[in-house]
């Protein structure tokens, strides 16, 4: 999870940027994730952010409330972060 920059007493640590993506890849095979969850995560790997409308286009879900429930399920599993810009809400993969 961390990258070490050794410099004697002043060794520093930074977050490994590649770790979050590999974490999501390993979670995609998790049995706790259903088909919709996997589709959303695959979309996010390629597109970086997703909205409720994107979920409707991507999956068998046909309503905004259903799309919001699917996104909230992944948010509650601590896999996504929610961002709001003015009136727009979108989700991104949460990096660790």
PDB file of N, CA and C in Angstrom:
ATOM      1  N   UNK A   1       0.816  -1.192   0.000  1.00  0.00           N
ATOM      2  CA  UNK A   1       0.000   0.000   0.000  1.00  0.00           C
ATOM      3  C   UNK A   1       0.864   1.263   0.000  1.00  0.00           C
ATOM      4  N   UNK A   2       2.069   1.172   0.572  1.00  0.00           N
ATOM      5  CA  UNK A   2       2.937   2.344   0.657  1.00  0.00           C
ATOM      6  C   UNK A   2       4.202   2.143  -0.164  1.00  0.00           C
ATOM      7  N   UNK A   3       4.720   3.253  -0.661  1.00  0.00           N
ATOM      8  CA  UNK A   3       6.000   3.266  -1.361  1.00  0.00           C
ATOM      9  C   UNK A   3       6.999   3.952  -0.433  1.00  0.00           C
ATOM     10  N   UNK A   4       8.148   3.327  -0.248  1.00  0.00           N
ATOM     11  CA  UNK A   4       9.160   3.846   0.670  1.00  0.00           C
ATOM     12  C   UNK A   4      10.224   4.609  -0.120  1.00  0.00           C
ATOM     13  N   UNK A   5      10.544   5.803   0.351  1.00  0.00           N
ATOM     14  CA  UNK A   5      11.651   6.583  -0.196  1.00  0.00           C
ATOM     15  C   UNK A   5      12.682   6.697   0.922  1.00  0.00           C
ATOM     16  N   UNK A   6      13.645   5.777   0.934  1.00  0.00           N
ATOM     17  CA  UNK A   6      14.606   5.710   2.036  1.00  0.00           C
ATOM     18  C   UNK A   6      15.642   6.818   1.917  1.00  0.00           C
ATOM     19  N   UNK A   7      15.760   7.562   3.010  1.00  0.00           N
ATOM     20  CA  UNK A   7      16.723   8.650   3.067  1.00  0.00           C
ATOM     21  C   UNK A   7      17.202   8.803   4.512  1.00  0.00           C
ATOM     22  N   UNK A   8      17.782   7.724   5.044  1.00  0.00           N
ATOM     23  CA  UNK A   8      18.275   7.754   6.425  1.00  0.00           C
ATOM     24  C   UNK A   8      17.146   8.016   7.412  1.00  0.00           C
ATOM     25  N   UNK A   9      17.398   8.982   8.309  1.00  0.00           N
ATOM     26  CA  UNK A   9      16.378   9.335   9.310  1.00  0.00           C
ATOM     27  C   UNK A   9      15.165   9.995   8.680  1.00  0.00           C
ATOM     28  N   UNK A  10      15.299  10.464   7.462  1.00  0.00           N
ATOM     29  CA  UNK A  10      14.216  11.207   6.812  1.00  0.00           C
ATOM     30  C   UNK A  10      13.481  10.356   5.786  1.00  0.00           C
ATOM     31  N   UNK A  11      13.383   9.073   6.036  1.00  0.00           N
ATOM     32  CA  UNK A  11      12.635   8.182   5.157  1.00  0.00           C
ATOM     33  C   UNK A  11      11.194   8.660   5.083  1.00  0.00           C
ATOM     34  N   UNK A  12      10.671   8.693   3.881  1.00  0.00           N
ATOM     35  CA  UNK A  12       9.282   9.113   3.689  1.00  0.00           C
ATOM     36  C   UNK A  12       8.491   7.979   3.060  1.00  0.00           C
ATOM     37  N   UNK A  13       7.203   8.042   3.244  1.00  0.00           N
ATOM     38  CA  UNK A  13       6.292   7.049   2.701  1.00  0.00           C
ATOM     39  C   UNK A  13       5.208   7.770   1.918  1.00  0.00           C
ATOM     40  N   UNK A  14       4.817   7.184   0.802  1.00  0.00           N
ATOM     41  CA  UNK A  14       3.707   7.740   0.032  1.00  0.00           C
ATOM     42  C   UNK A  14       2.783   6.601  -0.378  1.00  0.00           C
ATOM     43  N   UNK A  15       1.587   6.956  -0.726  1.00  0.00           N
ATOM     44  CA  UNK A  15       0.597   5.949  -1.109  1.00  0.00           C
ATOM     45  C   UNK A  15       0.919   5.422  -2.501  1.00  0.00           C
ATOM     46  N   UNK A  16       0.868   4.120  -2.647  1.00  0.00           N
ATOM     47  CA  UNK A  16       1.083   3.481  -3.937  1.00  0.00           C
ATOM     48  C   UNK A  16      -0.161   3.707  -4.790  1.00  0.00           C
ATOM     49  N   UNK A  17      -0.048   4.529  -5.831  1.00  0.00           N
ATOM     50  CA  UNK A  17      -1.186   4.889  -6.685  1.00  0.00           C
ATOM     51  C   UNK A  17      -1.779   3.681  -7.399  1.00  0.00           C
ATOM     52  N   UNK A  18      -0.997   2.654  -7.648  1.00  0.00           N
ATOM     53  CA  UNK A  18      -1.474   1.472  -8.361  1.00  0.00           C
ATOM     54  C   UNK A  18      -2.262   0.536  -7.460  1.00  0.00           C
ATOM     55  N   UNK A  19      -2.146   0.699  -6.153  1.00  0.00           N
ATOM     56  CA  UNK A  19      -2.775  -0.230  -5.215  1.00  0.00           C
ATOM     57  C   UNK A  19      -4.287  -0.215  -5.323  1.00  0.00           C
ATOM     58  N   UNK A  20      -4.913   0.948  -5.420  1.00  0.00           N
ATOM     59  CA  UNK A  20      -6.371   1.053  -5.465  1.00  0.00           C
ATOM     60  C   UNK A  20      -6.974   0.289  -6.619  1.00  0.00           C
ATOM     61  N   UNK A  21      -6.370   0.376  -7.796  1.00  0.00           N
ATOM     62  CA  UNK A  21      -6.879  -0.329  -8.961  1.00  0.00           C
ATOM     63  C   UNK A  21      -6.765  -1.830  -8.786  1.00  0.00           C
ATOM     64  N   UNK A  22      -5.638  -2.299  -8.252  1.00  0.00           N
ATOM     65  CA  UNK A  22      -5.504  -3.731  -8.044  1.00  0.00           C
ATOM     66  C   UNK A  22      -6.473  -4.215  -6.969  1.00  0.00           C
ATOM     67  N   UNK A  23      -6.757  -3.374  -5.995  1.00  0.00           N
ATOM     68  CA  UNK A  23      -7.735  -3.727  -4.975  1.00  0.00           C
ATOM     69  C   UNK A  23      -9.105  -3.925  -5.603  1.00  0.00           C
ATOM     70  N   UNK A  24      -9.513  -3.006  -6.477  1.00  0.00           N
ATOM     71  CA  UNK A  24     -10.802  -3.129  -7.163  1.00  0.00           C
ATOM     72  C   UNK A  24     -10.817  -4.379  -8.025  1.00  0.00           C
ATOM     73  N   UNK A  25      -9.733  -4.670  -8.723  1.00  0.00           N
ATOM     74  CA  UNK A  25      -9.671  -5.864  -9.562  1.00  0.00           C
ATOM     75  C   UNK A  25      -9.879  -7.127  -8.733  1.00  0.00           C
ATOM     76  N   UNK A  26      -9.281  -7.177  -7.562  1.00  0.00           N
ATOM     77  CA  UNK A  26      -9.441  -8.364  -6.724  1.00  0.00           C
ATOM     78  C   UNK A  26     -10.849  -8.440  -6.144  1.00  0.00           C
ATOM     79  N   UNK A  27     -11.474  -7.301  -5.898  1.00  0.00           N
ATOM     80  CA  UNK A  27     -12.825  -7.308  -5.348  1.00  0.00           C
ATOM     81  C   UNK A  27     -13.872  -7.712  -6.381  1.00  0.00           C
ATOM     82  N   UNK A  28     -13.571  -7.519  -7.661  1.00  0.00           N
ATOM     83  CA  UNK A  28     -14.530  -7.886  -8.695  1.00  0.00           C
ATOM     84  C   UNK A  28     -14.855  -9.372  -8.669  1.00  0.00           C
ATOM     85  N   UNK A  29     -13.940 -10.188  -8.191  1.00  0.00           N
ATOM     86  CA  UNK A  29     -14.198 -11.621  -8.114  1.00  0.00           C
ATOM     87  C   UNK A  29     -14.809 -12.009  -6.770  1.00  0.00           C
ATOM     88  N   UNK A  30     -14.997 -11.050  -5.887  1.00  0.00           N
ATOM     89  CA  UNK A  30     -15.585 -11.280  -4.564  1.00  0.00           C
ATOM     90  C   UNK A  30     -17.022 -11.767  -4.727  1.00  0.00           C
ATOM     91  N   UNK A  31     -17.386 -12.788  -3.984  1.00  0.00           N
ATOM     92  CA  UNK A  31     -18.735 -13.345  -4.087  1.00  0.00           C
ATOM     93  C   UNK A  31     -19.801 -12.413  -3.529  1.00  0.00           C
ATOM     94  N   UNK A  32     -19.411 -11.408  -2.723  1.00  0.00           N
ATOM     95  CA  UNK A  32     -20.377 -10.457  -2.180  1.00  0.00           C
ATOM     96  C   UNK A  32     -20.874  -9.480  -3.237  1.00  0.00           C
ATOM     97  N   UNK A  33     -20.189  -9.407  -4.370  1.00  0.00           N
ATOM     98  CA  UNK A  33     -20.586  -8.479  -5.426  1.00  0.00           C
ATOM     99  C   UNK A  33     -21.460  -9.196  -6.443  1.00  0.00           C
ATOM    100  N   UNK A  34     -22.585  -8.569  -6.770  1.00  0.00           N
ATOM    101  CA  UNK A  34     -23.453  -9.160  -7.775  1.00  0.00           C
ATOM    102  C   UNK A  34     -23.039  -8.696  -9.173  1.00  0.00           C
ATOM    103  N   UNK A  35     -23.763  -9.131 -10.191  1.00  0.00           N
ATOM    104  CA  UNK A  35     -23.425  -8.811 -11.579  1.00  0.00           C
ATOM    105  C   UNK A  35     -23.423  -7.303 -11.818  1.00  0.00           C
ATOM    106  N   UNK A  36     -24.405  -6.611 -11.275  1.00  0.00           N
ATOM    107  CA  UNK A  36     -24.503  -5.160 -11.439  1.00  0.00           C
ATOM    108  C   UNK A  36     -23.298  -4.462 -10.814  1.00  0.00           C
ATOM    109  N   UNK A  37     -22.916  -4.881  -9.607  1.00  0.00           N
ATOM    110  CA  UNK A  37     -21.745  -4.299  -8.945  1.00  0.00           C
ATOM    111  C   UNK A  37     -20.494  -4.462  -9.806  1.00  0.00           C
ATOM    112  N   UNK A  38     -20.327  -5.643 -10.369  1.00  0.00           N
ATOM    113  CA  UNK A  38     -19.147  -5.901 -11.210  1.00  0.00           C
ATOM    114  C   UNK A  38     -19.175  -5.037 -12.475  1.00  0.00           C
ATOM    115  N   UNK A  39     -20.351  -4.874 -13.064  1.00  0.00           N
ATOM    116  CA  UNK A  39     -20.479  -4.032 -14.264  1.00  0.00           C
ATOM    117  C   UNK A  39     -20.114  -2.578 -13.946  1.00  0.00           C
ATOM    118  N   UNK A  40     -20.567  -2.096 -12.803  1.00  0.00           N
ATOM    119  CA  UNK A  40     -20.267  -0.715 -12.392  1.00  0.00           C
ATOM    120  C   UNK A  40     -18.768  -0.550 -12.162  1.00  0.00           C
ATOM    121  N   UNK A  41     -18.150  -1.489 -11.471  1.00  0.00           N
ATOM    122  CA  UNK A  41     -16.712  -1.400 -11.207  1.00  0.00           C
ATOM    123  C   UNK A  41     -15.895  -1.483 -12.493  1.00  0.00           C
ATOM    124  N   UNK A  42     -16.312  -2.334 -13.414  1.00  0.00           N
ATOM    125  CA  UNK A  42     -15.610  -2.431 -14.697  1.00  0.00           C
ATOM    126  C   UNK A  42     -15.717  -1.106 -15.469  1.00  0.00           C
ATOM    127  N   UNK A  43     -16.894  -0.509 -15.465  1.00  0.00           N
ATOM    128  CA  UNK A  43     -17.089   0.790 -16.114  1.00  0.00           C
ATOM    129  C   UNK A  43     -16.177   1.840 -15.479  1.00  0.00           C
ATOM    130  N   UNK A  44     -16.105   1.846 -14.157  1.00  0.00           N
ATOM    131  CA  UNK A  44     -15.282   2.829 -13.449  1.00  0.00           C
ATOM    132  C   UNK A  44     -13.792   2.642 -13.726  1.00  0.00           C
ATOM    133  N   UNK A  45     -13.342   1.430 -13.921  1.00  0.00           N
ATOM    134  CA  UNK A  45     -11.934   1.202 -14.245  1.00  0.00           C
ATOM    135  C   UNK A  45     -11.562   1.896 -15.552  1.00  0.00           C
ATOM    136  N   UNK A  46     -12.503   1.959 -16.478  1.00  0.00           N
ATOM    137  CA  UNK A  46     -12.238   2.548 -17.791  1.00  0.00           C
ATOM    138  C   UNK A  46     -12.613   4.018 -17.888  1.00  0.00           C
ATOM    139  N   UNK A  47     -13.553   4.493 -17.076  1.00  0.00           N
ATOM    140  CA  UNK A  47     -14.094   5.842 -17.237  1.00  0.00           C
ATOM    141  C   UNK A  47     -13.896   6.776 -16.056  1.00  0.00           C
ATOM    142  N   UNK A  48     -13.401   6.287 -14.945  1.00  0.00           N
ATOM    143  CA  UNK A  48     -13.037   7.077 -13.752  1.00  0.00           C
ATOM    144  C   UNK A  48     -14.221   7.585 -12.936  1.00  0.00           C
ATOM    145  N   UNK A  49     -15.361   7.923 -13.546  1.00  0.00           N
ATOM    146  CA  UNK A  49     -16.516   8.347 -12.751  1.00  0.00           C
ATOM    147  C   UNK A  49     -17.807   7.886 -13.404  1.00  0.00           C
ATOM    148  N   UNK A  50     -18.863   7.807 -12.581  1.00  0.00           N
ATOM    149  CA  UNK A  50     -20.143   7.291 -13.042  1.00  0.00           C
ATOM    150  C   UNK A  50     -21.277   8.044 -12.356  1.00  0.00           C
ATOM    151  N   UNK A  51     -22.376   8.205 -13.058  1.00  0.00           N
ATOM    152  CA  UNK A  51     -23.584   8.824 -12.506  1.00  0.00           C
ATOM    153  C   UNK A  51     -24.710   7.788 -12.496  1.00  0.00           C
ATOM    154  N   UNK A  52     -25.813   8.145 -11.886  1.00  0.00           N
ATOM    155  CA  UNK A  52     -26.978   7.253 -11.873  1.00  0.00           C
ATOM    156  C   UNK A  52     -27.475   6.984 -13.292  1.00  0.00           C
ATOM    157  N   UNK A  53     -27.440   7.999 -14.133  1.00  0.00           N
ATOM    158  CA  UNK A  53     -27.874   7.827 -15.529  1.00  0.00           C
ATOM    159  C   UNK A  53     -26.969   6.857 -16.275  1.00  0.00           C
ATOM    160  N   UNK A  54     -25.674   6.894 -15.967  1.00  0.00           N
ATOM    161  CA  UNK A  54     -24.739   5.940 -16.580  1.00  0.00           C
ATOM    162  C   UNK A  54     -25.080   4.513 -16.162  1.00  0.00           C
ATOM    163  N   UNK A  55     -25.446   4.340 -14.899  1.00  0.00           N
ATOM    164  CA  UNK A  55     -25.802   3.004 -14.392  1.00  0.00           C
ATOM    165  C   UNK A  55     -27.016   2.464 -15.140  1.00  0.00           C
ATOM    166  N   UNK A  56     -27.999   3.320 -15.414  1.00  0.00           N
ATOM    167  CA  UNK A  56     -29.202   2.899 -16.149  1.00  0.00           C
ATOM    168  C   UNK A  56     -28.822   2.433 -17.556  1.00  0.00           C
ATOM    169  N   UNK A  57     -27.942   3.177 -18.215  1.00  0.00           N
ATOM    170  CA  UNK A  57     -27.514   2.806 -19.575  1.00  0.00           C
ATOM    171  C   UNK A  57     -26.700   1.517 -19.579  1.00  0.00           C
ATOM    172  N   UNK A  58     -25.950   1.298 -18.522  1.00  0.00           N
ATOM    173  CA  UNK A  58     -24.996   0.201 -18.443  1.00  0.00           C
ATOM    174  C   UNK A  58     -25.626  -1.125 -18.015  1.00  0.00           C
ATOM    175  N   UNK A  59     -26.636  -1.072 -17.166  1.00  0.00           N
ATOM    176  CA  UNK A  59     -27.180  -2.280 -16.537  1.00  0.00           C
ATOM    177  C   UNK A  59     -28.644  -2.496 -16.898  1.00  0.00           C
ATOM    178  N   UNK A  60     -29.245  -3.497 -16.267  1.00  0.00           N
ATOM    179  CA  UNK A  60     -30.676  -3.777 -16.450  1.00  0.00           C
ATOM    180  C   UNK A  60     -31.549  -2.892 -15.569  1.00  0.00           C
ATOM    181  N   UNK A  61     -30.953  -2.027 -14.786  1.00  0.00           N
ATOM    182  CA  UNK A  61     -31.714  -1.145 -13.905  1.00  0.00           C
ATOM    183  C   UNK A  61     -32.421  -0.094 -14.759  1.00  0.00           C
ATOM    184  N   UNK A  62     -33.693   0.173 -14.440  1.00  0.00           N
ATOM    185  CA  UNK A  62     -34.471   1.077 -15.297  1.00  0.00           C
ATOM    186  C   UNK A  62     -34.920   2.360 -14.609  1.00  0.00           C
ATOM    187  N   UNK A  63     -34.548   2.555 -13.340  1.00  0.00           N
ATOM    188  CA  UNK A  63     -34.980   3.771 -12.640  1.00  0.00           C
ATOM    189  C   UNK A  63     -33.796   4.430 -11.926  1.00  0.00           C
ATOM    190  N   UNK A  64     -33.928   5.731 -11.715  1.00  0.00           N
ATOM    191  CA  UNK A  64     -32.898   6.478 -10.998  1.00  0.00           C
ATOM    192  C   UNK A  64     -32.762   5.951  -9.570  1.00  0.00           C
ATOM    193  N   UNK A  65     -33.891   5.638  -8.920  1.00  0.00           N
ATOM    194  CA  UNK A  65     -33.807   5.150  -7.539  1.00  0.00           C
ATOM    195  C   UNK A  65     -33.089   3.801  -7.470  1.00  0.00           C
ATOM    196  N   UNK A  66     -33.308   2.939  -8.453  1.00  0.00           N
ATOM    197  CA  UNK A  66     -32.604   1.658  -8.498  1.00  0.00           C
ATOM    198  C   UNK A  66     -31.113   1.851  -8.723  1.00  0.00           C
ATOM    199  N   UNK A  67     -30.756   2.780  -9.598  1.00  0.00           N
ATOM    200  CA  UNK A  67     -29.349   3.083  -9.860  1.00  0.00           C
ATOM    201  C   UNK A  67     -28.686   3.646  -8.608  1.00  0.00           C
ATOM    202  N   UNK A  68     -29.409   4.532  -7.913  1.00  0.00           N
ATOM    203  CA  UNK A  68     -28.866   5.104  -6.679  1.00  0.00           C
ATOM    204  C   UNK A  68     -28.637   4.029  -5.617  1.00  0.00           C
ATOM    205  N   UNK A  69     -29.529   3.052  -5.541  1.00  0.00           N
ATOM    206  CA  UNK A  69     -29.367   1.951  -4.576  1.00  0.00           C
ATOM    207  C   UNK A  69     -28.120   1.126  -4.901  1.00  0.00           C
ATOM    208  N   UNK A  70     -27.900   0.876  -6.195  1.00  0.00           N
ATOM    209  CA  UNK A  70     -26.718   0.102  -6.599  1.00  0.00           C
ATOM    210  C   UNK A  70     -25.443   0.861  -6.248  1.00  0.00           C
ATOM    211  N   UNK A  71     -25.407   2.151  -6.518  1.00  0.00           N
ATOM    212  CA  UNK A  71     -24.230   2.956  -6.202  1.00  0.00           C
ATOM    213  C   UNK A  71     -24.030   3.062  -4.692  1.00  0.00           C
ATOM    214  N   UNK A  72     -25.122   3.213  -3.959  1.00  0.00           N
ATOM    215  CA  UNK A  72     -25.026   3.301  -2.498  1.00  0.00           C
ATOM    216  C   UNK A  72     -24.495   1.996  -1.904  1.00  0.00           C
ATOM    217  N   UNK A  73     -24.883   0.872  -2.489  1.00  0.00           N
ATOM    218  CA  UNK A  73     -24.403  -0.430  -2.010  1.00  0.00           C
ATOM    219  C   UNK A  73     -22.868  -0.491  -2.100  1.00  0.00           C
ATOM    220  N   UNK A  74     -22.301  -0.020  -3.211  1.00  0.00           N
ATOM    221  CA  UNK A  74     -20.847  -0.010  -3.366  1.00  0.00           C
ATOM    222  C   UNK A  74     -20.206   1.058  -2.493  1.00  0.00           C
ATOM    223  N   UNK A  75     -20.892   2.180  -2.320  1.00  0.00           N
ATOM    224  CA  UNK A  75     -20.413   3.249  -1.441  1.00  0.00           C
ATOM    225  C   UNK A  75     -20.347   2.738   0.004  1.00  0.00           C
ATOM    226  N   UNK A  76     -21.384   2.027   0.432  1.00  0.00           N
ATOM    227  CA  UNK A  76     -21.430   1.484   1.797  1.00  0.00           C
ATOM    228  C   UNK A  76     -20.361   0.415   2.032  1.00  0.00           C
ATOM    229  N   UNK A  77     -19.905  -0.260   0.967  1.00  0.00           N
ATOM    230  CA  UNK A  77     -18.822  -1.232   1.081  1.00  0.00           C
ATOM    231  C   UNK A  77     -17.464  -0.543   1.051  1.00  0.00           C
ATOM    232  N   UNK A  78     -17.489   0.787   1.023  1.00  0.00           N
ATOM    233  CA  UNK A  78     -16.277   1.613   1.056  1.00  0.00           C
ATOM    234  C   UNK A  78     -15.420   1.443  -0.204  1.00  0.00           C
ATOM    235  N   UNK A  79     -16.073   1.161  -1.342  1.00  0.00           N
ATOM    236  CA  UNK A  79     -15.370   1.013  -2.606  1.00  0.00           C
ATOM    237  C   UNK A  79     -15.427   2.280  -3.451  1.00  0.00           C
ATOM    238  N   UNK A  80     -16.446   3.103  -3.224  1.00  0.00           N
ATOM    239  CA  UNK A  80     -16.631   4.315  -4.010  1.00  0.00           C
ATOM    240  C   UNK A  80     -16.630   5.547  -3.128  1.00  0.00           C
ATOM    241  N   UNK A  81     -16.270   6.667  -3.727  1.00  0.00           N
ATOM    242  CA  UNK A  81     -16.426   7.951  -3.049  1.00  0.00           C
ATOM    243  C   UNK A  81     -17.411   8.782  -3.865  1.00  0.00           C
ATOM    244  N   UNK A  82     -18.167   9.591  -3.171  1.00  0.00           N
ATOM    245  CA  UNK A  82     -19.218  10.396  -3.782  1.00  0.00           C
ATOM    246  C   UNK A  82     -18.731  11.835  -3.896  1.00  0.00           C
ATOM    247  N   UNK A  83     -18.909  12.431  -5.073  1.00  0.00           N
ATOM    248  CA  UNK A  83     -18.491  13.804  -5.303  1.00  0.00           C
ATOM    249  C   UNK A  83     -19.670  14.595  -5.851  1.00  0.00           C
ATOM    250  N   UNK A  84     -19.800  15.811  -5.361  1.00  0.00           N
ATOM    251  CA  UNK A  84     -20.883  16.683  -5.820  1.00  0.00           C
ATOM    252  C   UNK A  84     -20.270  17.965  -6.367  1.00  0.00           C
ATOM    253  N   UNK A  85     -20.661  18.312  -7.591  1.00  0.00           N
ATOM    254  CA  UNK A  85     -20.287  19.584  -8.198  1.00  0.00           C
ATOM    255  C   UNK A  85     -21.583  20.257  -8.621  1.00  0.00           C
ATOM    256  N   UNK A  86     -21.899  21.354  -7.919  1.00  0.00           N
ATOM    257  CA  UNK A  86     -23.179  22.061  -8.087  1.00  0.00           C
ATOM    258  C   UNK A  86     -24.308  21.066  -7.888  1.00  0.00           C
ATOM    259  N   UNK A  87     -25.121  20.816  -8.891  1.00  0.00           N
ATOM    260  CA  UNK A  87     -26.250  19.892  -8.740  1.00  0.00           C
ATOM    261  C   UNK A  87     -25.940  18.486  -9.245  1.00  0.00           C
ATOM    262  N   UNK A  88     -24.737  18.259  -9.704  1.00  0.00           N
ATOM    263  CA  UNK A  88     -24.363  16.949 -10.247  1.00  0.00           C
ATOM    264  C   UNK A  88     -23.673  16.102  -9.183  1.00  0.00           C
ATOM    265  N   UNK A  89     -24.061  14.839  -9.121  1.00  0.00           N
ATOM    266  CA  UNK A  89     -23.453  13.883  -8.196  1.00  0.00           C
ATOM    267  C   UNK A  89     -22.869  12.751  -9.027  1.00  0.00           C
ATOM    268  N   UNK A  90     -21.633  12.407  -8.757  1.00  0.00           N
ATOM    269  CA  UNK A  90     -21.034  11.261  -9.420  1.00  0.00           C
ATOM    270  C   UNK A  90     -20.164  10.503  -8.431  1.00  0.00           C
ATOM    271  N   UNK A  91     -19.843   9.278  -8.808  1.00  0.00           N
ATOM    272  CA  UNK A  91     -19.061   8.386  -7.946  1.00  0.00           C
ATOM    273  C   UNK A  91     -17.765   8.017  -8.649  1.00  0.00           C
ATOM    274  N   UNK A  92     -16.716   7.826  -7.842  1.00  0.00           N
ATOM    275  CA  UNK A  92     -15.415   7.407  -8.332  1.00  0.00           C
ATOM    276  C   UNK A  92     -14.906   6.279  -7.455  1.00  0.00           C
ATOM    277  N   UNK A  93     -13.946   5.533  -7.987  1.00  0.00           N
ATOM    278  CA  UNK A  93     -13.317   4.478  -7.194  1.00  0.00           C
ATOM    279  C   UNK A  93     -12.560   5.131  -6.049  1.00  0.00           C
ATOM    280  N   UNK A  94     -12.776   4.635  -4.857  1.00  0.00           N
ATOM    281  CA  UNK A  94     -12.072   5.166  -3.688  1.00  0.00           C
ATOM    282  C   UNK A  94     -10.689   4.552  -3.640  1.00  0.00           C
ATOM    283  N   UNK A  95      -9.673   5.388  -3.661  1.00  0.00           N
ATOM    284  CA  UNK A  95      -8.288   4.926  -3.622  1.00  0.00           C
ATOM    285  C   UNK A  95      -7.841   4.766  -2.181  1.00  0.00           C
ATOM    286  N   UNK A  96      -6.998   3.792  -1.945  1.00  0.00           N
ATOM    287  CA  UNK A  96      -6.484   3.532  -0.601  1.00  0.00           C
ATOM    288  C   UNK A  96      -5.024   3.816  -0.558  1.00  0.00           C
TER     289      UNK A  96
END
